[in-house]
Amino acid sequence: MALDGRNQRLITLAFAGSIGMTFVILGCALPAYKVWWPFFVVLFYILSPIPTLLARRYSESGTVNKSYLELAIFVTMGFVVSSFGLPIVLARSPINDPVIQWGACYLILTGNVVVYLTIIGFFTAFEQEDTEYSMW
């Protein structure tokens, strides 16, 4: 059974997303760390594409207003910066007793990079197919 290009891209993105989530889970669950506070970055992963998707949907409905897209990008970047800032703040919290260790912070940051590259890959890989559907 041969896979077409769309299925190969989808499988690659799913694999990359699972690797990113593995880094996040390792940063929380390894016996040396055992703190699940950094797992809140998953909330940012879920929220980050929503403003862009809403702005794209609104721009397809008729009047194109660039300010909506710029606001969506601004809110999305706020989520992205927050997901990178949360583990750093948790690792730098009180000097004598940080909430998480720096090793966990590095694993979470690595997971952030992989997951956000996967989200960008999803938008770029499937953007062309959206334009094909809008022609009909």
N, C-alpha and C. Protein backbone atom coordinates (compact mmCIF):
# COMPACT_ATOMS: atom_id res chain seq x y z
N MET A 1 0.85 -1.17 0.00
CA MET A 1 0.00 0.00 0.00
C MET A 1 0.89 1.24 0.00
N ALA A 2 0.82 2.01 -1.05
CA ALA A 2 1.64 3.21 -1.17
C ALA A 2 0.92 4.39 -0.54
N LEU A 3 1.71 5.23 0.12
CA LEU A 3 1.15 6.42 0.74
C LEU A 3 1.33 7.61 -0.19
N ASP A 4 0.30 8.43 -0.31
CA ASP A 4 0.45 9.64 -1.10
C ASP A 4 1.14 10.72 -0.27
N GLY A 5 1.41 11.85 -0.87
CA GLY A 5 2.16 12.91 -0.20
C GLY A 5 1.48 13.46 1.03
N ARG A 6 0.16 13.56 0.98
CA ARG A 6 -0.57 14.11 2.13
C ARG A 6 -0.45 13.20 3.35
N ASN A 7 -0.61 11.90 3.12
CA ASN A 7 -0.51 10.96 4.24
C ASN A 7 0.90 10.89 4.80
N GLN A 8 1.90 10.99 3.95
CA GLN A 8 3.28 10.99 4.43
C GLN A 8 3.56 12.21 5.29
N ARG A 9 3.06 13.37 4.86
CA ARG A 9 3.24 14.59 5.66
C ARG A 9 2.54 14.47 7.00
N LEU A 10 1.34 13.91 6.99
CA LEU A 10 0.58 13.76 8.22
C LEU A 10 1.28 12.80 9.18
N ILE A 11 1.81 11.71 8.68
CA ILE A 11 2.53 10.75 9.52
C ILE A 11 3.79 11.38 10.08
N THR A 12 4.52 12.13 9.27
CA THR A 12 5.74 12.79 9.73
C THR A 12 5.43 13.81 10.82
N LEU A 13 4.38 14.59 10.63
CA LEU A 13 4.00 15.59 11.63
C LEU A 13 3.53 14.92 12.93
N ALA A 14 2.81 13.81 12.82
CA ALA A 14 2.37 13.10 14.02
C ALA A 14 3.57 12.54 14.78
N PHE A 15 4.54 12.02 14.05
CA PHE A 15 5.75 11.49 14.68
C PHE A 15 6.53 12.60 15.37
N ALA A 16 6.67 13.74 14.70
CA ALA A 16 7.40 14.87 15.30
C ALA A 16 6.66 15.40 16.53
N GLY A 17 5.36 15.49 16.47
CA GLY A 17 4.59 15.95 17.63
C GLY A 17 4.72 15.00 18.80
N SER A 18 4.75 13.70 18.53
CA SER A 18 4.90 12.74 19.63
C SER A 18 6.29 12.81 20.24
N ILE A 19 7.29 13.10 19.44
CA ILE A 19 8.64 13.27 20.00
C ILE A 19 8.69 14.51 20.89
N GLY A 20 8.08 15.60 20.45
CA GLY A 20 8.03 16.81 21.27
C GLY A 20 7.31 16.58 22.58
N MET A 21 6.18 15.88 22.53
CA MET A 21 5.46 15.59 23.76
C MET A 21 6.23 14.63 24.66
N THR A 22 7.02 13.76 24.06
CA THR A 22 7.86 12.86 24.86
C THR A 22 8.87 13.66 25.67
N PHE A 23 9.46 14.67 25.06
CA PHE A 23 10.40 15.53 25.80
C PHE A 23 9.70 16.24 26.96
N VAL A 24 8.49 16.72 26.72
CA VAL A 24 7.74 17.41 27.78
C VAL A 24 7.42 16.45 28.92
N ILE A 25 6.97 15.26 28.58
CA ILE A 25 6.64 14.27 29.62
C ILE A 25 7.89 13.83 30.36
N LEU A 26 9.01 13.66 29.65
CA LEU A 26 10.26 13.31 30.34
C LEU A 26 10.69 14.41 31.30
N GLY A 27 10.49 15.65 30.91
CA GLY A 27 10.85 16.76 31.79
C GLY A 27 10.01 16.80 33.06
N CYS A 28 8.85 16.18 33.02
CA CYS A 28 7.98 16.16 34.20
C CYS A 28 8.09 14.86 34.99
N ALA A 29 8.27 13.74 34.31
CA ALA A 29 8.08 12.44 34.96
C ALA A 29 9.36 11.70 35.32
N LEU A 30 10.51 12.12 34.87
CA LEU A 30 11.73 11.40 35.23
C LEU A 30 11.89 11.39 36.75
N PRO A 31 12.41 10.29 37.31
CA PRO A 31 12.52 10.20 38.78
C PRO A 31 13.35 11.33 39.41
N ALA A 32 14.27 11.90 38.65
CA ALA A 32 15.07 12.99 39.21
C ALA A 32 14.26 14.28 39.32
N TYR A 33 13.18 14.42 38.56
CA TYR A 33 12.43 15.67 38.54
C TYR A 33 11.10 15.55 39.28
N LYS A 34 10.22 14.65 38.85
CA LYS A 34 8.93 14.35 39.50
C LYS A 34 8.08 15.58 39.82
N VAL A 35 8.07 16.57 38.97
CA VAL A 35 7.22 17.75 39.16
C VAL A 35 6.44 17.96 37.87
N TRP A 36 5.13 18.07 37.98
CA TRP A 36 4.28 18.17 36.80
C TRP A 36 3.82 19.59 36.48
N TRP A 37 4.33 20.60 37.17
CA TRP A 37 3.95 21.98 36.87
C TRP A 37 4.30 22.40 35.44
N PRO A 38 5.44 21.98 34.89
CA PRO A 38 5.74 22.41 33.51
C PRO A 38 4.79 21.85 32.46
N PHE A 39 4.00 20.87 32.83
CA PHE A 39 3.08 20.26 31.86
C PHE A 39 2.00 21.25 31.42
N PHE A 40 1.89 22.38 32.12
CA PHE A 40 0.93 23.40 31.71
C PHE A 40 1.26 24.02 30.35
N VAL A 41 2.46 23.78 29.82
CA VAL A 41 2.78 24.28 28.49
C VAL A 41 1.89 23.63 27.43
N VAL A 42 1.33 22.47 27.72
CA VAL A 42 0.43 21.81 26.78
C VAL A 42 -0.79 22.69 26.53
N LEU A 43 -1.23 23.41 27.53
CA LEU A 43 -2.33 24.35 27.35
C LEU A 43 -1.98 25.41 26.31
N PHE A 44 -0.73 25.88 26.34
CA PHE A 44 -0.29 26.85 25.34
C PHE A 44 -0.23 26.22 23.96
N TYR A 45 0.14 24.94 23.87
CA TYR A 45 0.16 24.26 22.57
C TYR A 45 -1.24 24.21 21.97
N ILE A 46 -2.23 24.00 22.82
CA ILE A 46 -3.61 23.91 22.34
C ILE A 46 -4.13 25.29 21.94
N LEU A 47 -3.79 26.31 22.73
CA LEU A 47 -4.33 27.66 22.48
C LEU A 47 -3.61 28.41 21.36
N SER A 48 -2.36 28.08 21.08
CA SER A 48 -1.58 28.91 20.15
C SER A 48 -2.11 28.93 18.72
N PRO A 49 -2.60 27.85 18.12
CA PRO A 49 -3.09 27.99 16.74
C PRO A 49 -4.49 28.57 16.62
N ILE A 50 -5.23 28.69 17.71
CA ILE A 50 -6.63 29.12 17.63
C ILE A 50 -6.78 30.54 17.07
N PRO A 51 -6.02 31.55 17.53
CA PRO A 51 -6.21 32.89 16.94
C PRO A 51 -5.93 32.95 15.44
N THR A 52 -4.92 32.24 14.99
CA THR A 52 -4.61 32.25 13.57
C THR A 52 -5.71 31.55 12.77
N LEU A 53 -6.21 30.44 13.28
CA LEU A 53 -7.29 29.74 12.59
C LEU A 53 -8.55 30.61 12.51
N LEU A 54 -8.86 31.31 13.60
CA LEU A 54 -10.03 32.19 13.58
C LEU A 54 -9.85 33.35 12.61
N ALA A 55 -8.66 33.93 12.57
CA ALA A 55 -8.41 35.04 11.65
C ALA A 55 -8.48 34.58 10.20
N ARG A 56 -7.97 33.39 9.92
CA ARG A 56 -8.07 32.87 8.56
C ARG A 56 -9.51 32.62 8.17
N ARG A 57 -10.27 32.06 9.10
CA ARG A 57 -11.68 31.78 8.82
C ARG A 57 -12.45 33.07 8.59
N TYR A 58 -12.14 34.10 9.38
CA TYR A 58 -12.83 35.37 9.23
C TYR A 58 -12.45 36.04 7.91
N SER A 59 -11.20 35.93 7.51
CA SER A 59 -10.78 36.57 6.27
C SER A 59 -11.37 35.87 5.05
N GLU A 60 -11.68 34.58 5.17
CA GLU A 60 -12.30 33.86 4.06
C GLU A 60 -13.76 34.24 3.87
N SER A 61 -14.40 34.75 4.91
CA SER A 61 -15.83 35.02 4.84
C SER A 61 -16.18 36.28 4.06
N GLY A 62 -15.21 37.07 3.69
CA GLY A 62 -15.55 38.26 2.92
C GLY A 62 -14.50 39.34 3.03
N THR A 63 -14.82 40.38 3.76
CA THR A 63 -13.92 41.51 3.86
C THR A 63 -12.63 41.11 4.54
N VAL A 64 -11.54 41.41 3.89
CA VAL A 64 -10.23 41.08 4.44
C VAL A 64 -9.71 42.30 5.19
N ASN A 65 -9.53 42.16 6.47
CA ASN A 65 -8.99 43.23 7.29
C ASN A 65 -7.68 42.74 7.89
N LYS A 66 -6.60 43.36 7.50
CA LYS A 66 -5.28 42.90 7.92
C LYS A 66 -5.07 43.05 9.42
N SER A 67 -5.79 43.95 10.06
CA SER A 67 -5.60 44.15 11.49
C SER A 67 -6.01 42.91 12.29
N TYR A 68 -7.01 42.15 11.82
CA TYR A 68 -7.40 40.92 12.51
C TYR A 68 -6.30 39.88 12.46
N LEU A 69 -5.66 39.76 11.32
CA LEU A 69 -4.55 38.81 11.19
C LEU A 69 -3.36 39.24 12.05
N GLU A 70 -3.08 40.53 12.09
CA GLU A 70 -1.98 41.01 12.92
C GLU A 70 -2.27 40.80 14.40
N LEU A 71 -3.50 41.02 14.83
CA LEU A 71 -3.88 40.75 16.22
C LEU A 71 -3.76 39.26 16.54
N ALA A 72 -4.15 38.42 15.60
CA ALA A 72 -4.05 36.97 15.81
C ALA A 72 -2.59 36.55 15.94
N ILE A 73 -1.72 37.11 15.14
CA ILE A 73 -0.29 36.79 15.23
C ILE A 73 0.27 37.28 16.55
N PHE A 74 -0.16 38.44 17.00
CA PHE A 74 0.31 38.97 18.28
C PHE A 74 -0.11 38.07 19.44
N VAL A 75 -1.37 37.63 19.45
CA VAL A 75 -1.85 36.76 20.52
C VAL A 75 -1.15 35.40 20.46
N THR A 76 -0.96 34.89 19.25
CA THR A 76 -0.25 33.62 19.09
C THR A 76 1.18 33.71 19.61
N MET A 77 1.86 34.80 19.31
CA MET A 77 3.23 34.97 19.81
C MET A 77 3.25 35.11 21.33
N GLY A 78 2.19 35.68 21.91
CA GLY A 78 2.09 35.73 23.36
C GLY A 78 2.02 34.34 23.97
N PHE A 79 1.26 33.43 23.33
CA PHE A 79 1.20 32.05 23.80
C PHE A 79 2.55 31.34 23.65
N VAL A 80 3.21 31.59 22.53
CA VAL A 80 4.50 30.94 22.29
C VAL A 80 5.54 31.41 23.30
N VAL A 81 5.62 32.71 23.51
CA VAL A 81 6.59 33.25 24.47
C VAL A 81 6.26 32.76 25.88
N SER A 82 4.99 32.66 26.21
CA SER A 82 4.60 32.16 27.53
C SER A 82 5.01 30.71 27.72
N SER A 83 4.90 29.90 26.67
CA SER A 83 5.27 28.50 26.81
C SER A 83 6.78 28.34 26.97
N PHE A 84 7.57 29.25 26.43
CA PHE A 84 9.02 29.21 26.65
C PHE A 84 9.38 29.85 27.99
N GLY A 85 8.60 30.82 28.41
CA GLY A 85 8.91 31.51 29.66
C GLY A 85 8.53 30.74 30.90
N LEU A 86 7.46 29.94 30.83
CA LEU A 86 6.99 29.23 32.02
C LEU A 86 8.05 28.31 32.62
N PRO A 87 8.70 27.43 31.86
CA PRO A 87 9.71 26.57 32.49
C PRO A 87 10.91 27.35 33.01
N ILE A 88 11.26 28.44 32.33
CA ILE A 88 12.40 29.24 32.79
C ILE A 88 12.06 29.92 34.11
N VAL A 89 10.86 30.45 34.23
CA VAL A 89 10.44 31.08 35.49
C VAL A 89 10.36 30.05 36.61
N LEU A 90 9.85 28.85 36.29
CA LEU A 90 9.79 27.81 37.31
C LEU A 90 11.18 27.36 37.77
N ALA A 91 12.13 27.35 36.85
CA ALA A 91 13.49 26.94 37.22
C ALA A 91 14.23 28.05 37.95
N ARG A 92 13.87 29.30 37.70
CA ARG A 92 14.56 30.42 38.35
C ARG A 92 13.81 30.96 39.55
N SER A 93 12.71 30.31 39.94
CA SER A 93 11.95 30.78 41.11
C SER A 93 12.88 30.86 42.32
N PRO A 94 12.50 30.75 43.51
CA PRO A 94 13.42 31.00 44.64
C PRO A 94 14.74 30.24 44.49
N ILE A 95 15.82 30.95 44.75
CA ILE A 95 17.16 30.41 44.52
C ILE A 95 17.41 29.15 45.37
N ASN A 96 16.99 29.15 46.61
CA ASN A 96 17.27 28.02 47.48
C ASN A 96 16.42 26.80 47.17
N ASP A 97 15.22 27.00 46.64
CA ASP A 97 14.32 25.88 46.38
C ASP A 97 13.54 26.13 45.09
N PRO A 98 14.14 25.91 43.91
CA PRO A 98 13.40 26.13 42.66
C PRO A 98 12.28 25.10 42.51
N VAL A 99 11.26 25.49 41.77
CA VAL A 99 10.12 24.60 41.56
C VAL A 99 10.54 23.40 40.71
N ILE A 100 11.29 23.64 39.64
CA ILE A 100 11.81 22.55 38.81
C ILE A 100 13.31 22.71 38.68
N GLN A 101 13.97 21.63 38.30
CA GLN A 101 15.41 21.67 38.10
C GLN A 101 15.70 22.12 36.67
N TRP A 102 16.95 22.54 36.44
CA TRP A 102 17.31 23.05 35.12
C TRP A 102 17.28 21.95 34.06
N GLY A 103 17.56 20.72 34.43
CA GLY A 103 17.46 19.62 33.46
C GLY A 103 16.05 19.45 32.94
N ALA A 104 15.07 19.56 33.83
CA ALA A 104 13.67 19.50 33.41
C ALA A 104 13.32 20.69 32.52
N CYS A 105 13.86 21.84 32.86
CA CYS A 105 13.61 23.05 32.05
C CYS A 105 14.14 22.85 30.63
N TYR A 106 15.34 22.29 30.51
CA TYR A 106 15.91 22.07 29.17
C TYR A 106 15.10 21.06 28.37
N LEU A 107 14.60 20.03 29.03
CA LEU A 107 13.76 19.06 28.32
C LEU A 107 12.45 19.69 27.86
N ILE A 108 11.86 20.52 28.69
CA ILE A 108 10.61 21.20 28.32
C ILE A 108 10.87 22.17 27.16
N LEU A 109 11.97 22.91 27.21
CA LEU A 109 12.29 23.84 26.12
C LEU A 109 12.54 23.10 24.81
N THR A 110 13.20 21.96 24.88
CA THR A 110 13.42 21.15 23.68
C THR A 110 12.08 20.66 23.13
N GLY A 111 11.21 20.21 24.02
CA GLY A 111 9.87 19.80 23.58
C GLY A 111 9.10 20.96 22.96
N ASN A 112 9.25 22.17 23.52
CA ASN A 112 8.60 23.35 22.95
C ASN A 112 9.05 23.59 21.51
N VAL A 113 10.34 23.53 21.29
CA VAL A 113 10.87 23.76 19.94
C VAL A 113 10.31 22.75 18.96
N VAL A 114 10.32 21.48 19.34
CA VAL A 114 9.84 20.42 18.44
C VAL A 114 8.34 20.57 18.18
N VAL A 115 7.56 20.83 19.21
CA VAL A 115 6.11 20.94 19.03
C VAL A 115 5.76 22.16 18.18
N TYR A 116 6.41 23.29 18.42
CA TYR A 116 6.08 24.47 17.61
C TYR A 116 6.56 24.34 16.18
N LEU A 117 7.67 23.66 15.95
CA LEU A 117 8.07 23.38 14.57
C LEU A 117 7.06 22.46 13.90
N THR A 118 6.48 21.54 14.66
CA THR A 118 5.44 20.67 14.12
C THR A 118 4.19 21.47 13.77
N ILE A 119 3.81 22.40 14.62
CA ILE A 119 2.63 23.23 14.34
C ILE A 119 2.86 24.09 13.10
N ILE A 120 4.05 24.67 12.99
CA ILE A 120 4.39 25.46 11.79
C ILE A 120 4.38 24.56 10.56
N GLY A 121 4.92 23.36 10.69
CA GLY A 121 4.91 22.41 9.58
C GLY A 121 3.50 22.04 9.16
N PHE A 122 2.59 21.91 10.12
CA PHE A 122 1.21 21.61 9.78
C PHE A 122 0.59 22.74 8.97
N PHE A 123 0.80 23.97 9.41
CA PHE A 123 0.22 25.10 8.68
C PHE A 123 0.79 25.23 7.29
N THR A 124 2.09 25.02 7.14
CA THR A 124 2.69 25.15 5.81
C THR A 124 2.37 23.97 4.91
N ALA A 125 2.28 22.77 5.47
CA ALA A 125 2.03 21.59 4.65
C ALA A 125 0.60 21.53 4.14
N PHE A 126 -0.34 22.00 4.92
CA PHE A 126 -1.74 21.87 4.53
C PHE A 126 -2.37 23.19 4.11
N GLU A 127 -1.58 24.24 3.98
CA GLU A 127 -2.12 25.52 3.53
C GLU A 127 -2.50 25.46 2.06
N GLN A 128 -1.73 24.76 1.25
CA GLN A 128 -2.01 24.68 -0.18
C GLN A 128 -3.32 23.96 -0.44
N GLU A 129 -3.64 22.95 0.37
CA GLU A 129 -4.88 22.22 0.16
C GLU A 129 -6.10 23.07 0.49
N ASP A 130 -5.95 24.02 1.43
CA ASP A 130 -7.06 24.92 1.74
C ASP A 130 -7.39 25.80 0.54
N THR A 131 -6.36 26.25 -0.18
CA THR A 131 -6.62 27.10 -1.34
C THR A 131 -7.28 26.31 -2.45
N GLU A 132 -6.97 25.01 -2.58
CA GLU A 132 -7.64 24.21 -3.60
C GLU A 132 -9.12 24.07 -3.30
N TYR A 133 -9.49 23.91 -2.04
CA TYR A 133 -10.88 23.77 -1.68
C TYR A 133 -11.64 25.09 -1.84
N SER A 134 -10.95 26.21 -1.63
CA SER A 134 -11.65 27.49 -1.72
C SER A 134 -11.96 27.87 -3.16
N MET A 135 -11.31 27.22 -4.13
CA MET A 135 -11.62 27.51 -5.53
C MET A 135 -12.98 27.00 -5.93
N TRP A 136 -13.44 25.96 -5.31
CA TRP A 136 -14.73 25.39 -5.67
C TRP A 136 -15.78 26.22 -5.12
